């Protein structure tokens, strides 16, 4: 069983989770913690890291595997989250998109290893990268 932490700049993380819940007609608030980071918070990244770590620890103590989604590789959300990936049953996925998050929510009760869940999440992201022009050319 999985829980998720979504960390992004501005309101992106909140918007992605709310949109996924809207599409799926479900509430994942018990299994998903969202953090929004803006540039005014950069000076206080240690306290943000501590908040994320507390959420992670709460999920892990409940016996859950955890995927941390971040918006962009190399950004502050990713840099903070990467320090937490050493824990057993935890991984970080960058470049989160709505299809990736929906896949994760759809499979949150699967009893699969973290690596297999991440493979599915990444594949869902790749499967939804489409150029309309190239599609029509086929």
N, C-alpha and C. Protein backbone atom coordinates (compact mmCIF):
# COMPACT_ATOMS: atom_id res chain seq x y z
N UNK A 1 0.84 -1.17 0.00
CA UNK A 1 0.00 0.00 0.00
C UNK A 1 0.89 1.24 0.00
N UNK A 2 0.41 2.26 -0.69
CA UNK A 2 1.20 3.45 -0.92
C UNK A 2 0.54 4.71 -0.39
N UNK A 3 1.41 5.63 -0.04
CA UNK A 3 1.01 7.01 0.24
C UNK A 3 1.91 7.91 -0.61
N UNK A 4 1.48 9.13 -0.79
CA UNK A 4 2.19 10.03 -1.69
C UNK A 4 2.40 11.39 -1.07
N UNK A 5 3.55 11.97 -1.38
CA UNK A 5 3.85 13.35 -1.01
C UNK A 5 4.10 14.08 -2.32
N UNK A 6 3.42 15.19 -2.52
CA UNK A 6 3.57 15.96 -3.75
C UNK A 6 4.12 17.33 -3.37
N UNK A 7 5.27 17.67 -3.95
CA UNK A 7 5.94 18.92 -3.62
C UNK A 7 6.18 19.68 -4.92
N UNK A 8 5.75 20.93 -4.95
CA UNK A 8 5.93 21.72 -6.16
C UNK A 8 6.01 23.20 -5.88
N UNK A 9 6.39 23.92 -6.91
CA UNK A 9 6.44 25.37 -6.83
C UNK A 9 5.03 25.95 -6.89
N UNK A 10 4.84 27.02 -6.17
CA UNK A 10 3.56 27.76 -6.15
C UNK A 10 2.42 26.79 -5.85
N UNK A 11 1.36 26.83 -6.65
CA UNK A 11 0.17 26.01 -6.39
C UNK A 11 0.10 24.75 -7.25
N UNK A 12 1.17 24.40 -7.93
CA UNK A 12 1.12 23.27 -8.86
C UNK A 12 0.76 21.96 -8.15
N UNK A 13 1.39 21.66 -7.04
CA UNK A 13 1.14 20.39 -6.34
C UNK A 13 -0.31 20.30 -5.89
N UNK A 14 -0.82 21.37 -5.29
CA UNK A 14 -2.21 21.41 -4.84
C UNK A 14 -3.16 21.22 -6.02
N UNK A 15 -2.88 21.91 -7.10
CA UNK A 15 -3.75 21.83 -8.28
C UNK A 15 -3.75 20.44 -8.89
N UNK A 16 -2.59 19.81 -8.97
CA UNK A 16 -2.52 18.45 -9.53
C UNK A 16 -3.33 17.47 -8.70
N UNK A 17 -3.18 17.53 -7.39
CA UNK A 17 -3.89 16.60 -6.52
C UNK A 17 -5.39 16.84 -6.59
N UNK A 18 -5.81 18.10 -6.52
CA UNK A 18 -7.24 18.41 -6.57
C UNK A 18 -7.84 18.01 -7.91
N UNK A 19 -7.11 18.20 -8.99
CA UNK A 19 -7.61 17.82 -10.31
C UNK A 19 -7.72 16.31 -10.44
N UNK A 20 -6.71 15.58 -9.96
CA UNK A 20 -6.76 14.11 -9.99
C UNK A 20 -7.94 13.60 -9.18
N UNK A 21 -8.16 14.18 -8.01
CA UNK A 21 -9.30 13.77 -7.18
C UNK A 21 -10.62 14.08 -7.87
N UNK A 22 -10.69 15.21 -8.55
CA UNK A 22 -11.90 15.58 -9.28
C UNK A 22 -12.18 14.58 -10.40
N UNK A 23 -11.16 14.25 -11.16
CA UNK A 23 -11.32 13.32 -12.28
C UNK A 23 -11.70 11.93 -11.77
N UNK A 24 -11.09 11.52 -10.68
CA UNK A 24 -11.33 10.17 -10.16
C UNK A 24 -12.53 10.10 -9.21
N UNK A 25 -13.10 11.25 -8.90
CA UNK A 25 -14.23 11.31 -7.95
C UNK A 25 -13.85 10.60 -6.64
N UNK A 26 -12.68 10.97 -6.10
CA UNK A 26 -12.16 10.34 -4.90
C UNK A 26 -11.45 11.37 -4.03
N UNK A 27 -11.27 11.02 -2.79
CA UNK A 27 -10.57 11.88 -1.84
C UNK A 27 -9.36 11.10 -1.33
N UNK A 28 -8.17 11.61 -1.62
CA UNK A 28 -6.94 10.95 -1.22
C UNK A 28 -6.24 11.69 -0.08
N UNK A 29 -6.95 12.54 0.62
CA UNK A 29 -6.33 13.38 1.65
C UNK A 29 -5.67 12.57 2.76
N UNK A 30 -6.15 11.38 3.03
CA UNK A 30 -5.54 10.55 4.07
C UNK A 30 -4.24 9.89 3.58
N UNK A 31 -4.06 9.83 2.28
CA UNK A 31 -2.91 9.12 1.72
C UNK A 31 -1.99 10.02 0.92
N UNK A 32 -2.28 11.31 0.94
CA UNK A 32 -1.49 12.22 0.12
C UNK A 32 -1.27 13.52 0.88
N UNK A 33 -0.03 13.92 1.03
CA UNK A 33 0.31 15.19 1.68
C UNK A 33 0.93 16.08 0.62
N UNK A 34 0.49 17.34 0.58
CA UNK A 34 0.91 18.26 -0.46
C UNK A 34 1.69 19.42 0.15
N UNK A 35 2.78 19.78 -0.50
CA UNK A 35 3.59 20.92 -0.07
C UNK A 35 3.79 21.85 -1.26
N UNK A 36 3.54 23.12 -1.05
CA UNK A 36 3.76 24.14 -2.07
C UNK A 36 4.92 25.02 -1.61
N UNK A 37 5.86 25.23 -2.49
CA UNK A 37 7.03 26.05 -2.17
C UNK A 37 7.07 27.24 -3.11
N UNK A 38 7.21 28.43 -2.53
CA UNK A 38 7.42 29.61 -3.37
C UNK A 38 8.75 30.24 -2.98
N UNK A 39 9.19 31.20 -3.76
CA UNK A 39 10.53 31.75 -3.57
C UNK A 39 10.70 32.46 -2.24
N UNK A 40 9.63 32.92 -1.63
CA UNK A 40 9.76 33.57 -0.32
C UNK A 40 10.16 32.58 0.76
N UNK A 41 10.01 31.28 0.48
CA UNK A 41 10.32 30.24 1.46
C UNK A 41 11.73 29.70 1.33
N UNK A 42 12.46 30.08 0.32
CA UNK A 42 13.76 29.48 0.05
C UNK A 42 14.73 29.63 1.21
N UNK A 43 14.61 30.70 1.95
CA UNK A 43 15.51 30.91 3.08
C UNK A 43 15.22 29.93 4.21
N UNK A 44 14.06 29.33 4.21
CA UNK A 44 13.64 28.45 5.29
C UNK A 44 13.45 27.00 4.81
N UNK A 45 14.31 26.56 3.90
CA UNK A 45 14.16 25.23 3.33
C UNK A 45 14.37 24.12 4.35
N UNK A 46 15.14 24.38 5.39
CA UNK A 46 15.33 23.34 6.42
C UNK A 46 14.02 23.02 7.12
N UNK A 47 13.21 24.02 7.42
CA UNK A 47 11.94 23.73 8.10
C UNK A 47 10.96 23.05 7.14
N UNK A 48 11.03 23.40 5.86
CA UNK A 48 10.18 22.72 4.87
C UNK A 48 10.60 21.25 4.77
N UNK A 49 11.91 21.01 4.74
CA UNK A 49 12.41 19.63 4.70
C UNK A 49 11.92 18.86 5.93
N UNK A 50 11.96 19.48 7.09
CA UNK A 50 11.49 18.82 8.31
C UNK A 50 10.00 18.49 8.24
N UNK A 51 9.20 19.38 7.66
CA UNK A 51 7.76 19.10 7.51
C UNK A 51 7.53 17.93 6.57
N UNK A 52 8.25 17.91 5.47
CA UNK A 52 8.13 16.80 4.51
C UNK A 52 8.57 15.51 5.17
N UNK A 53 9.67 15.57 5.92
CA UNK A 53 10.17 14.37 6.59
C UNK A 53 9.19 13.86 7.64
N UNK A 54 8.53 14.74 8.36
CA UNK A 54 7.52 14.31 9.34
C UNK A 54 6.37 13.58 8.65
N UNK A 55 5.92 14.12 7.52
CA UNK A 55 4.85 13.45 6.76
C UNK A 55 5.32 12.09 6.27
N UNK A 56 6.54 12.04 5.76
CA UNK A 56 7.12 10.78 5.28
C UNK A 56 7.20 9.76 6.41
N UNK A 57 7.72 10.18 7.56
CA UNK A 57 7.86 9.28 8.70
C UNK A 57 6.50 8.76 9.16
N UNK A 58 5.48 9.63 9.15
CA UNK A 58 4.14 9.21 9.56
C UNK A 58 3.62 8.11 8.64
N UNK A 59 3.81 8.27 7.33
CA UNK A 59 3.36 7.26 6.37
C UNK A 59 4.15 5.96 6.53
N UNK A 60 5.47 6.07 6.67
CA UNK A 60 6.32 4.88 6.80
C UNK A 60 5.98 4.13 8.09
N UNK A 61 5.78 4.86 9.19
CA UNK A 61 5.42 4.22 10.46
C UNK A 61 4.08 3.49 10.36
N UNK A 62 3.21 3.95 9.46
CA UNK A 62 1.92 3.29 9.25
C UNK A 62 2.06 2.08 8.33
N UNK A 63 3.30 1.76 7.94
CA UNK A 63 3.55 0.59 7.11
C UNK A 63 3.35 0.82 5.62
N UNK A 64 3.37 2.08 5.20
CA UNK A 64 3.15 2.41 3.79
C UNK A 64 4.46 2.64 3.06
N UNK A 65 4.46 2.30 1.80
CA UNK A 65 5.53 2.71 0.91
C UNK A 65 5.18 4.12 0.47
N UNK A 66 6.19 4.92 0.14
CA UNK A 66 5.93 6.32 -0.17
C UNK A 66 6.64 6.73 -1.46
N UNK A 67 5.89 7.38 -2.32
CA UNK A 67 6.45 8.01 -3.51
C UNK A 67 6.32 9.51 -3.29
N UNK A 68 7.43 10.21 -3.47
CA UNK A 68 7.43 11.67 -3.40
C UNK A 68 7.48 12.18 -4.84
N UNK A 69 6.48 12.94 -5.22
CA UNK A 69 6.43 13.55 -6.54
C UNK A 69 6.91 14.99 -6.44
N UNK A 70 7.78 15.39 -7.35
CA UNK A 70 8.21 16.79 -7.42
C UNK A 70 8.05 17.29 -8.84
N UNK A 71 7.95 18.59 -8.98
CA UNK A 71 7.62 19.15 -10.28
C UNK A 71 8.78 19.15 -11.29
N UNK A 72 9.98 19.48 -10.84
CA UNK A 72 11.07 19.61 -11.80
C UNK A 72 12.40 19.17 -11.19
N UNK A 73 13.15 18.40 -11.93
CA UNK A 73 14.46 17.96 -11.49
C UNK A 73 15.37 19.17 -11.31
N UNK A 74 16.06 19.22 -10.19
CA UNK A 74 17.00 20.31 -9.95
C UNK A 74 16.40 21.50 -9.22
N UNK A 75 15.09 21.52 -9.07
CA UNK A 75 14.44 22.61 -8.35
C UNK A 75 14.50 22.38 -6.85
N UNK A 76 14.13 23.38 -6.10
CA UNK A 76 14.16 23.28 -4.63
C UNK A 76 13.33 22.10 -4.11
N UNK A 77 12.11 21.85 -4.62
CA UNK A 77 11.36 20.68 -4.14
C UNK A 77 12.11 19.37 -4.35
N UNK A 78 12.76 19.23 -5.50
CA UNK A 78 13.52 18.01 -5.78
C UNK A 78 14.75 17.91 -4.88
N UNK A 79 15.45 19.02 -4.73
CA UNK A 79 16.67 19.00 -3.91
C UNK A 79 16.36 18.61 -2.47
N UNK A 80 15.28 19.11 -1.92
CA UNK A 80 14.88 18.75 -0.57
C UNK A 80 14.46 17.28 -0.51
N UNK A 81 13.67 16.85 -1.47
CA UNK A 81 13.13 15.49 -1.46
C UNK A 81 14.20 14.42 -1.70
N UNK A 82 15.19 14.73 -2.51
CA UNK A 82 16.23 13.74 -2.81
C UNK A 82 16.97 13.31 -1.55
N UNK A 83 17.05 14.16 -0.55
CA UNK A 83 17.76 13.81 0.67
C UNK A 83 17.01 12.75 1.47
N UNK A 84 15.74 12.51 1.14
CA UNK A 84 14.91 11.58 1.90
C UNK A 84 14.80 10.20 1.24
N UNK A 85 15.37 10.03 0.07
CA UNK A 85 15.18 8.81 -0.70
C UNK A 85 15.96 7.62 -0.14
N UNK A 86 16.83 7.87 0.80
CA UNK A 86 17.63 6.78 1.37
C UNK A 86 16.81 5.85 2.25
N UNK A 87 15.65 6.29 2.64
CA UNK A 87 14.80 5.46 3.50
C UNK A 87 14.23 4.29 2.71
N UNK A 88 14.10 3.16 3.35
CA UNK A 88 13.54 1.96 2.72
C UNK A 88 12.08 2.21 2.33
N UNK A 89 11.69 1.79 1.13
CA UNK A 89 10.31 1.91 0.68
C UNK A 89 9.93 3.30 0.22
N UNK A 90 10.93 4.11 -0.13
CA UNK A 90 10.68 5.50 -0.54
C UNK A 90 11.41 5.76 -1.85
N UNK A 91 10.76 6.50 -2.75
CA UNK A 91 11.43 6.96 -3.97
C UNK A 91 10.89 8.34 -4.31
N UNK A 92 11.63 9.04 -5.15
CA UNK A 92 11.25 10.38 -5.62
C UNK A 92 11.12 10.32 -7.13
N UNK A 93 10.02 10.87 -7.64
CA UNK A 93 9.77 10.94 -9.08
C UNK A 93 9.68 12.41 -9.45
N UNK A 94 10.47 12.83 -10.43
CA UNK A 94 10.44 14.23 -10.86
C UNK A 94 9.63 14.38 -12.14
N UNK A 95 9.25 15.61 -12.42
CA UNK A 95 8.48 15.89 -13.63
C UNK A 95 7.05 15.42 -13.55
N UNK A 96 6.46 15.46 -12.36
CA UNK A 96 5.11 14.93 -12.16
C UNK A 96 4.11 15.59 -13.11
N UNK A 97 3.22 14.76 -13.61
CA UNK A 97 2.13 15.23 -14.46
C UNK A 97 0.83 14.60 -13.96
N UNK A 98 -0.27 15.11 -14.46
CA UNK A 98 -1.56 14.58 -14.04
C UNK A 98 -1.71 13.09 -14.35
N UNK A 99 -1.33 12.60 -15.54
CA UNK A 99 -1.44 11.16 -15.80
C UNK A 99 -0.61 10.31 -14.84
N UNK A 100 0.55 10.81 -14.44
CA UNK A 100 1.40 10.07 -13.50
C UNK A 100 0.73 9.97 -12.13
N UNK A 101 0.16 11.07 -11.68
CA UNK A 101 -0.48 11.09 -10.37
C UNK A 101 -1.74 10.23 -10.37
N UNK A 102 -2.52 10.29 -11.44
CA UNK A 102 -3.72 9.46 -11.53
C UNK A 102 -3.33 7.98 -11.52
N UNK A 103 -2.29 7.61 -12.24
CA UNK A 103 -1.82 6.22 -12.22
C UNK A 103 -1.49 5.81 -10.78
N UNK A 104 -0.76 6.65 -10.08
CA UNK A 104 -0.37 6.34 -8.71
C UNK A 104 -1.60 6.16 -7.82
N UNK A 105 -2.56 7.07 -7.94
CA UNK A 105 -3.77 6.96 -7.14
C UNK A 105 -4.55 5.69 -7.48
N UNK A 106 -4.60 5.35 -8.77
CA UNK A 106 -5.32 4.16 -9.19
C UNK A 106 -4.68 2.88 -8.63
N UNK A 107 -3.38 2.92 -8.41
CA UNK A 107 -2.64 1.72 -8.00
C UNK A 107 -2.12 1.80 -6.56
N UNK A 108 -2.68 2.70 -5.78
CA UNK A 108 -2.16 2.92 -4.43
C UNK A 108 -2.32 1.72 -3.51
N UNK A 109 -3.21 0.80 -3.82
CA UNK A 109 -3.40 -0.39 -2.99
C UNK A 109 -2.66 -1.61 -3.52
N UNK A 110 -1.93 -1.45 -4.61
CA UNK A 110 -1.17 -2.57 -5.16
C UNK A 110 -0.04 -2.95 -4.22
N UNK A 111 0.17 -4.22 -4.05
CA UNK A 111 1.25 -4.74 -3.20
C UNK A 111 2.46 -5.05 -4.07
N UNK A 112 2.99 -4.01 -4.70
CA UNK A 112 4.15 -4.18 -5.58
C UNK A 112 5.33 -3.41 -5.00
N UNK A 113 6.54 -3.84 -5.34
CA UNK A 113 7.72 -3.11 -4.88
C UNK A 113 7.72 -1.67 -5.40
N UNK A 114 8.41 -0.82 -4.69
CA UNK A 114 8.48 0.59 -5.08
C UNK A 114 9.00 0.74 -6.50
N UNK A 115 10.00 -0.04 -6.86
CA UNK A 115 10.58 0.08 -8.21
C UNK A 115 9.54 -0.22 -9.29
N UNK A 116 8.68 -1.19 -9.04
CA UNK A 116 7.63 -1.53 -10.03
C UNK A 116 6.57 -0.43 -10.10
N UNK A 117 6.20 0.14 -8.96
CA UNK A 117 5.25 1.25 -8.95
C UNK A 117 5.83 2.44 -9.71
N UNK A 118 7.09 2.75 -9.45
CA UNK A 118 7.73 3.87 -10.14
C UNK A 118 7.79 3.61 -11.64
N UNK A 119 8.10 2.39 -12.04
CA UNK A 119 8.10 2.06 -13.48
C UNK A 119 6.74 2.36 -14.10
N UNK A 120 5.66 1.97 -13.43
CA UNK A 120 4.32 2.23 -13.94
C UNK A 120 4.01 3.71 -14.01
N UNK A 121 4.43 4.46 -12.99
CA UNK A 121 4.21 5.90 -12.97
C UNK A 121 4.94 6.57 -14.14
N UNK A 122 6.21 6.20 -14.32
CA UNK A 122 6.99 6.79 -15.41
C UNK A 122 6.41 6.43 -16.78
N UNK A 123 5.95 5.19 -16.92
CA UNK A 123 5.35 4.78 -18.19
C UNK A 123 4.07 5.56 -18.46
N UNK A 124 3.27 5.79 -17.43
CA UNK A 124 2.04 6.59 -17.60
C UNK A 124 2.38 7.99 -18.08
N UNK A 125 3.45 8.56 -17.54
CA UNK A 125 3.88 9.88 -18.00
C UNK A 125 4.31 9.86 -19.45
N UNK A 126 5.11 8.86 -19.83
CA UNK A 126 5.57 8.76 -21.22
C UNK A 126 4.41 8.51 -22.18
N UNK A 127 3.47 7.67 -21.78
CA UNK A 127 2.35 7.32 -22.65
C UNK A 127 1.47 8.52 -22.99
N UNK A 128 1.52 9.55 -22.17
CA UNK A 128 0.66 10.71 -22.39
C UNK A 128 1.41 11.90 -22.95
N UNK A 129 2.63 11.69 -23.43
CA UNK A 129 3.37 12.73 -24.13
C UNK A 129 3.14 12.52 -25.62
N UNK A 130 2.28 13.34 -26.19
CA UNK A 130 1.86 13.13 -27.58
C UNK A 130 1.88 14.45 -28.33
N UNK A 131 2.39 14.42 -29.53
CA UNK A 131 2.30 15.56 -30.44
C UNK A 131 1.11 15.32 -31.36
N UNK A 132 0.15 16.21 -31.35
CA UNK A 132 -1.04 16.05 -32.19
C UNK A 132 -0.65 15.99 -33.66
N UNK A 133 0.29 16.82 -34.08
CA UNK A 133 0.71 16.85 -35.47
C UNK A 133 1.29 15.50 -35.88
N UNK A 134 2.18 14.96 -35.05
CA UNK A 134 2.79 13.66 -35.38
C UNK A 134 1.76 12.54 -35.36
N UNK A 135 0.79 12.63 -34.47
CA UNK A 135 -0.27 11.63 -34.39
C UNK A 135 -1.11 11.66 -35.67
N UNK A 136 -1.41 12.85 -36.15
CA UNK A 136 -2.22 12.99 -37.36
C UNK A 136 -1.46 12.59 -38.62
N UNK A 137 -0.14 12.68 -38.58
CA UNK A 137 0.69 12.30 -39.73
C UNK A 137 0.70 10.80 -39.96
N UNK A 138 0.36 10.02 -38.93
CA UNK A 138 0.40 8.56 -39.05
C UNK A 138 -0.71 8.04 -39.90
